[in-house]
Each structure stands twice: as structure tokens, then as C-alpha cells.
N, C-alpha and C. Protein backbone atom coordinates (compact mmCIF):
# COMPACT_ATOMS: atom_id res chain seq x y z
N MET A 1 174.68 49.35 148.64
CA MET A 1 173.43 49.48 149.36
C MET A 1 172.31 49.68 148.35
N ARG A 2 171.22 48.98 148.52
CA ARG A 2 170.09 49.09 147.60
C ARG A 2 169.15 50.18 148.05
N LYS A 3 168.68 50.95 147.11
CA LYS A 3 167.70 51.99 147.40
C LYS A 3 166.33 51.48 146.99
N SER A 4 165.32 51.93 147.67
CA SER A 4 163.96 51.53 147.30
C SER A 4 163.52 52.33 146.09
N PHE A 5 162.50 51.86 145.41
CA PHE A 5 161.99 52.56 144.24
C PHE A 5 161.48 53.95 144.61
N ALA A 6 160.89 54.09 145.77
CA ALA A 6 160.39 55.40 146.19
C ALA A 6 161.54 56.38 146.38
N THR A 7 162.63 55.93 146.96
CA THR A 7 163.79 56.79 147.17
C THR A 7 164.39 57.20 145.83
N ILE A 8 164.50 56.26 144.92
CA ILE A 8 165.03 56.56 143.59
C ILE A 8 164.10 57.53 142.88
N GLY A 9 162.80 57.30 142.98
CA GLY A 9 161.82 58.18 142.34
C GLY A 9 161.90 59.59 142.88
N MET A 10 162.07 59.73 144.19
CA MET A 10 162.19 61.05 144.79
C MET A 10 163.46 61.74 144.29
N SER A 11 164.55 60.99 144.18
CA SER A 11 165.80 61.55 143.69
C SER A 11 165.66 62.01 142.25
N LEU A 12 165.01 61.21 141.43
CA LEU A 12 164.79 61.57 140.04
C LEU A 12 163.89 62.79 139.91
N ALA A 13 162.86 62.86 140.73
CA ALA A 13 161.95 64.01 140.70
C ALA A 13 162.69 65.28 141.09
N ALA A 14 163.53 65.20 142.10
CA ALA A 14 164.29 66.37 142.54
C ALA A 14 165.27 66.80 141.46
N ALA A 15 165.89 65.85 140.79
CA ALA A 15 166.82 66.18 139.72
C ALA A 15 166.09 66.81 138.54
N ALA A 16 164.90 66.32 138.24
CA ALA A 16 164.11 66.88 137.14
C ALA A 16 163.72 68.31 137.44
N VAL A 17 163.35 68.59 138.67
CA VAL A 17 163.00 69.96 139.05
C VAL A 17 164.22 70.85 138.96
N ALA A 18 165.35 70.36 139.38
CA ALA A 18 166.58 71.15 139.34
C ALA A 18 166.96 71.50 137.91
N VAL A 19 166.74 70.57 136.98
CA VAL A 19 167.07 70.82 135.59
C VAL A 19 166.03 71.72 134.94
N ALA A 20 164.76 71.45 135.22
CA ALA A 20 163.69 72.19 134.56
C ALA A 20 163.52 73.60 135.11
N MET A 21 163.71 73.76 136.38
CA MET A 21 163.49 75.07 137.01
C MET A 21 164.66 75.40 137.93
N PRO A 22 165.78 75.88 137.37
CA PRO A 22 166.96 76.15 138.19
C PRO A 22 166.69 77.18 139.29
N ALA A 23 165.84 78.18 139.04
CA ALA A 23 165.57 79.20 140.05
C ALA A 23 164.90 78.58 141.27
N LEU A 24 164.01 77.63 141.03
CA LEU A 24 163.32 76.97 142.13
C LEU A 24 164.30 76.10 142.92
N ALA A 25 165.18 75.39 142.23
CA ALA A 25 166.13 74.52 142.91
C ALA A 25 167.15 75.33 143.70
N ALA A 26 167.49 76.52 143.21
CA ALA A 26 168.50 77.34 143.88
C ALA A 26 167.92 78.13 145.06
N SER A 27 166.61 78.26 145.14
CA SER A 27 166.03 79.04 146.23
C SER A 27 166.23 78.31 147.55
N SER A 28 166.21 79.08 148.62
CA SER A 28 166.45 78.49 149.94
C SER A 28 165.22 77.77 150.47
N ALA A 29 164.03 78.12 149.96
CA ALA A 29 162.81 77.46 150.43
C ALA A 29 162.73 76.07 149.82
N SER A 30 162.45 75.10 150.65
CA SER A 30 162.35 73.74 150.13
C SER A 30 160.96 73.53 149.53
N PRO A 31 160.86 72.75 148.49
CA PRO A 31 159.56 72.51 147.86
C PRO A 31 158.68 71.68 148.79
N PRO A 32 157.38 71.76 148.60
CA PRO A 32 156.49 70.97 149.45
C PRO A 32 156.72 69.49 149.19
N PRO A 33 156.49 68.66 150.18
CA PRO A 33 156.71 67.23 150.00
C PRO A 33 155.78 66.67 148.93
N VAL A 34 156.29 65.70 148.20
CA VAL A 34 155.53 65.06 147.14
C VAL A 34 155.28 63.62 147.56
N SER A 35 154.04 63.19 147.42
CA SER A 35 153.71 61.82 147.82
C SER A 35 154.15 60.86 146.72
N VAL A 36 154.30 59.61 147.11
CA VAL A 36 154.69 58.56 146.16
C VAL A 36 153.60 58.40 145.11
N ASN A 37 152.33 58.58 145.49
CA ASN A 37 151.23 58.45 144.53
C ASN A 37 151.33 59.52 143.45
N GLN A 38 151.71 60.75 143.83
CA GLN A 38 151.85 61.83 142.86
C GLN A 38 153.00 61.52 141.90
N LEU A 39 154.08 60.96 142.41
CA LEU A 39 155.21 60.62 141.56
C LEU A 39 154.85 59.51 140.59
N ALA A 40 154.07 58.55 141.06
CA ALA A 40 153.69 57.43 140.21
C ALA A 40 152.71 57.87 139.13
N ALA A 41 151.86 58.86 139.40
CA ALA A 41 150.87 59.32 138.44
C ALA A 41 151.49 60.13 137.32
N ALA A 42 152.55 60.86 137.59
CA ALA A 42 153.16 61.74 136.59
C ALA A 42 153.64 60.99 135.35
N PRO A 43 154.39 59.88 135.47
CA PRO A 43 154.82 59.18 134.26
C PRO A 43 153.66 58.61 133.46
N GLN A 44 152.60 58.16 134.16
CA GLN A 44 151.45 57.61 133.46
C GLN A 44 150.76 58.69 132.65
N GLN A 45 150.64 59.90 133.21
CA GLN A 45 150.00 61.00 132.50
C GLN A 45 150.85 61.41 131.30
N ALA A 46 152.15 61.43 131.46
CA ALA A 46 153.04 61.83 130.38
C ALA A 46 153.08 60.77 129.28
N ALA A 47 152.92 59.51 129.64
CA ALA A 47 153.01 58.43 128.67
C ALA A 47 151.76 58.30 127.81
N ALA A 48 150.62 58.78 128.29
CA ALA A 48 149.38 58.63 127.54
C ALA A 48 149.45 59.23 126.14
N PRO A 49 149.90 60.49 125.97
CA PRO A 49 149.97 61.03 124.61
C PRO A 49 150.98 60.29 123.74
N ILE A 50 152.05 59.81 124.33
CA ILE A 50 153.06 59.07 123.58
C ILE A 50 152.47 57.77 123.05
N LYS A 51 151.71 57.06 123.88
CA LYS A 51 151.10 55.81 123.45
C LYS A 51 150.11 56.05 122.31
N LYS A 52 149.33 57.14 122.39
CA LYS A 52 148.37 57.44 121.34
C LYS A 52 149.08 57.76 120.04
N ALA A 53 150.16 58.52 120.12
CA ALA A 53 150.92 58.87 118.93
C ALA A 53 151.56 57.62 118.32
N ALA A 54 152.07 56.73 119.15
CA ALA A 54 152.68 55.50 118.65
C ALA A 54 151.64 54.61 117.97
N ALA A 55 150.44 54.56 118.53
CA ALA A 55 149.38 53.76 117.94
C ALA A 55 148.97 54.33 116.59
N ALA A 56 148.97 55.66 116.46
CA ALA A 56 148.61 56.29 115.19
C ALA A 56 149.66 56.00 114.12
N ARG A 57 150.93 55.89 114.51
CA ARG A 57 152.01 55.63 113.56
C ARG A 57 152.20 54.15 113.29
N ARG A 58 151.58 53.31 114.06
CA ARG A 58 151.77 51.87 113.93
C ARG A 58 151.35 51.41 112.54
N GLU A 59 152.16 50.58 111.96
CA GLU A 59 151.90 50.05 110.63
C GLU A 59 150.66 49.17 110.66
N ARG A 60 149.75 49.43 109.73
CA ARG A 60 148.51 48.64 109.68
C ARG A 60 148.75 47.25 109.11
N HIS A 61 149.68 47.14 108.18
CA HIS A 61 149.91 45.86 107.50
C HIS A 61 151.40 45.54 107.42
N PRO A 62 152.03 45.28 108.55
CA PRO A 62 153.48 45.04 108.54
C PRO A 62 153.86 43.80 107.74
N GLU A 63 153.02 42.81 107.72
CA GLU A 63 153.34 41.57 107.00
C GLU A 63 153.36 41.80 105.49
N ILE A 64 152.49 42.68 105.00
CA ILE A 64 152.50 42.98 103.57
C ILE A 64 153.79 43.71 103.20
N ARG A 65 154.20 44.65 104.04
CA ARG A 65 155.45 45.36 103.78
C ARG A 65 156.65 44.40 103.83
N LYS A 66 156.60 43.45 104.76
CA LYS A 66 157.67 42.45 104.83
C LYS A 66 157.68 41.58 103.58
N ALA A 67 156.50 41.25 103.06
CA ALA A 67 156.40 40.43 101.86
C ALA A 67 156.98 41.18 100.65
N ILE A 68 156.67 42.47 100.57
CA ILE A 68 157.22 43.28 99.48
C ILE A 68 158.75 43.29 99.55
N ALA A 69 159.29 43.50 100.74
CA ALA A 69 160.75 43.52 100.91
C ALA A 69 161.35 42.16 100.55
N ALA A 70 160.70 41.07 100.94
CA ALA A 70 161.21 39.73 100.63
C ALA A 70 161.17 39.48 99.13
N LEU A 71 160.12 39.91 98.47
CA LEU A 71 160.03 39.75 97.02
C LEU A 71 161.10 40.57 96.30
N GLU A 72 161.34 41.77 96.80
CA GLU A 72 162.38 42.61 96.18
C GLU A 72 163.77 41.98 96.36
N ARG A 73 164.02 41.38 97.53
CA ARG A 73 165.30 40.68 97.74
C ARG A 73 165.42 39.47 96.82
N ALA A 74 164.32 38.72 96.68
CA ALA A 74 164.34 37.55 95.81
C ALA A 74 164.58 37.97 94.36
N LYS A 75 163.95 39.06 93.96
CA LYS A 75 164.14 39.57 92.60
C LYS A 75 165.60 39.95 92.36
N THR A 76 166.20 40.64 93.33
CA THR A 76 167.61 41.02 93.23
C THR A 76 168.50 39.78 93.14
N ASP A 77 168.21 38.77 93.95
CA ASP A 77 168.99 37.53 93.92
C ASP A 77 168.88 36.84 92.56
N LEU A 78 167.66 36.82 92.01
CA LEU A 78 167.46 36.20 90.70
C LEU A 78 168.22 36.96 89.60
N GLN A 79 168.20 38.28 89.69
CA GLN A 79 168.88 39.09 88.69
C GLN A 79 170.39 38.90 88.75
N ARG A 80 170.93 38.66 89.92
CA ARG A 80 172.37 38.50 90.09
C ARG A 80 172.85 37.06 89.92
N ALA A 81 171.92 36.15 89.76
CA ALA A 81 172.28 34.73 89.68
C ALA A 81 173.10 34.44 88.43
N ASN A 82 173.97 33.45 88.54
CA ASN A 82 174.84 33.06 87.42
C ASN A 82 174.14 32.15 86.41
N HIS A 83 173.03 31.56 86.75
CA HIS A 83 172.34 30.66 85.82
C HIS A 83 170.86 31.03 85.75
N ASP A 84 170.15 30.41 84.84
CA ASP A 84 168.76 30.80 84.61
C ASP A 84 167.73 29.86 85.22
N PHE A 85 168.17 29.00 86.11
CA PHE A 85 167.29 28.08 86.84
C PHE A 85 166.41 27.27 85.88
N GLY A 86 167.07 26.69 84.89
CA GLY A 86 166.35 25.81 83.95
C GLY A 86 165.33 26.57 83.11
N GLY A 87 165.61 27.84 82.85
CA GLY A 87 164.70 28.64 82.03
C GLY A 87 163.59 29.32 82.83
N HIS A 88 163.58 29.16 84.12
CA HIS A 88 162.49 29.72 84.93
C HIS A 88 162.80 31.09 85.52
N ARG A 89 164.01 31.57 85.36
CA ARG A 89 164.38 32.86 85.97
C ARG A 89 163.54 34.01 85.41
N ALA A 90 163.36 34.08 84.13
CA ALA A 90 162.60 35.18 83.53
C ALA A 90 161.15 35.18 84.04
N ALA A 91 160.56 34.02 84.10
CA ALA A 91 159.17 33.93 84.59
C ALA A 91 159.09 34.30 86.07
N ALA A 92 160.08 33.89 86.84
CA ALA A 92 160.10 34.21 88.26
C ALA A 92 160.26 35.72 88.48
N LEU A 93 161.12 36.35 87.67
CA LEU A 93 161.29 37.81 87.78
C LEU A 93 159.98 38.53 87.45
N GLU A 94 159.31 38.06 86.42
CA GLU A 94 158.03 38.67 86.04
C GLU A 94 156.99 38.47 87.14
N ALA A 95 156.97 37.30 87.73
CA ALA A 95 156.02 37.02 88.82
C ALA A 95 156.31 37.90 90.04
N CYS A 96 157.59 38.10 90.34
CA CYS A 96 157.96 38.99 91.45
C CYS A 96 157.47 40.40 91.19
N ASP A 97 157.69 40.89 89.97
CA ASP A 97 157.24 42.24 89.63
C ASP A 97 155.73 42.38 89.80
N LYS A 98 154.98 41.39 89.30
CA LYS A 98 153.51 41.44 89.40
C LYS A 98 153.06 41.37 90.85
N ALA A 99 153.69 40.51 91.64
CA ALA A 99 153.31 40.38 93.04
C ALA A 99 153.61 41.66 93.81
N ILE A 100 154.77 42.26 93.58
CA ILE A 100 155.13 43.51 94.25
C ILE A 100 154.13 44.60 93.88
N GLU A 101 153.81 44.68 92.60
CA GLU A 101 152.84 45.68 92.13
C GLU A 101 151.48 45.50 92.80
N GLN A 102 151.01 44.27 92.87
CA GLN A 102 149.71 44.00 93.49
C GLN A 102 149.70 44.33 94.98
N LEU A 103 150.77 44.00 95.67
CA LEU A 103 150.84 44.29 97.11
C LEU A 103 150.87 45.79 97.36
N LYS A 104 151.60 46.52 96.53
CA LYS A 104 151.64 47.98 96.68
C LYS A 104 150.27 48.59 96.40
N LEU A 105 149.57 48.08 95.40
CA LEU A 105 148.21 48.55 95.11
C LEU A 105 147.26 48.24 96.28
N ALA A 106 147.43 47.08 96.87
CA ALA A 106 146.60 46.71 98.02
C ALA A 106 146.80 47.71 99.17
N LEU A 107 148.05 48.08 99.44
CA LEU A 107 148.33 49.05 100.50
C LEU A 107 147.75 50.41 100.18
N GLN A 108 147.83 50.83 98.92
CA GLN A 108 147.28 52.11 98.53
C GLN A 108 145.77 52.16 98.67
N ASN A 109 145.11 51.04 98.40
CA ASN A 109 143.65 51.00 98.44
C ASN A 109 143.07 50.74 99.82
N ASP A 110 143.90 50.44 100.77
CA ASP A 110 143.43 50.22 102.14
C ASP A 110 143.59 51.50 102.94
N LYS A 111 142.58 52.33 102.92
CA LYS A 111 142.64 53.61 103.64
C LYS A 111 141.58 53.66 104.74
N ASN A 112 141.23 52.51 105.26
CA ASN A 112 140.21 52.46 106.33
C ASN A 112 140.75 52.93 107.63
């Protein structure tokens, strides 16, 4: 049997009250009825601070960090390679080091 969202929401609200306030759940007096609008507003109010905190932690330049990681992987692959790629391995390793250094400096200098 399918339950409606309102019925499920009421069940969840009652369970939350029982967990959060055992004395209230154990009392013989029943709590006042809660409207569906009140139930719907509670998660939105609780989610607002979480969204703000997540936005504050959000990476400003995820693509630059991905580029640094890709360059570090390429550098490791070049270092572990069995051949020198026609003499270009040393230059490629040096270029990777310079690129990684520049990208890290760019991240440090972006404090806007």
C-alpha cells in the first residue's frame, strides 16, 4: 500500500519528536496537530544554513586543482617510463614542474 507524502512526513515528524524529546513522546497528552505547511517549512529552514556553509566551502577553482592533479600524474608516469621519449622526457618533466608551480602560485594569489 502506498502512503502519501503527507502521511510519511507526519510519521517522520512524530519519530523525530520521540527521539529528540522522549519525555514528550512518553506523556499521555497528545501533541497539538501539525499542519502540512509547518512540516514542509521545517526542512527548508534547516537546510538554509547548510547551503550557506556548503557555498562557503565550495572550491573557487576546481579546474585548476584538477589540472595540478593531472600534471602530477603525468609527471609520475614520465618518471616511471622505461624510455626517454626520444630525449623529450627530461624537458617534459621540467615543464610539468614549472606548470604545477605556476598553478599553485595562481591559487595562492587569488584571495578575492
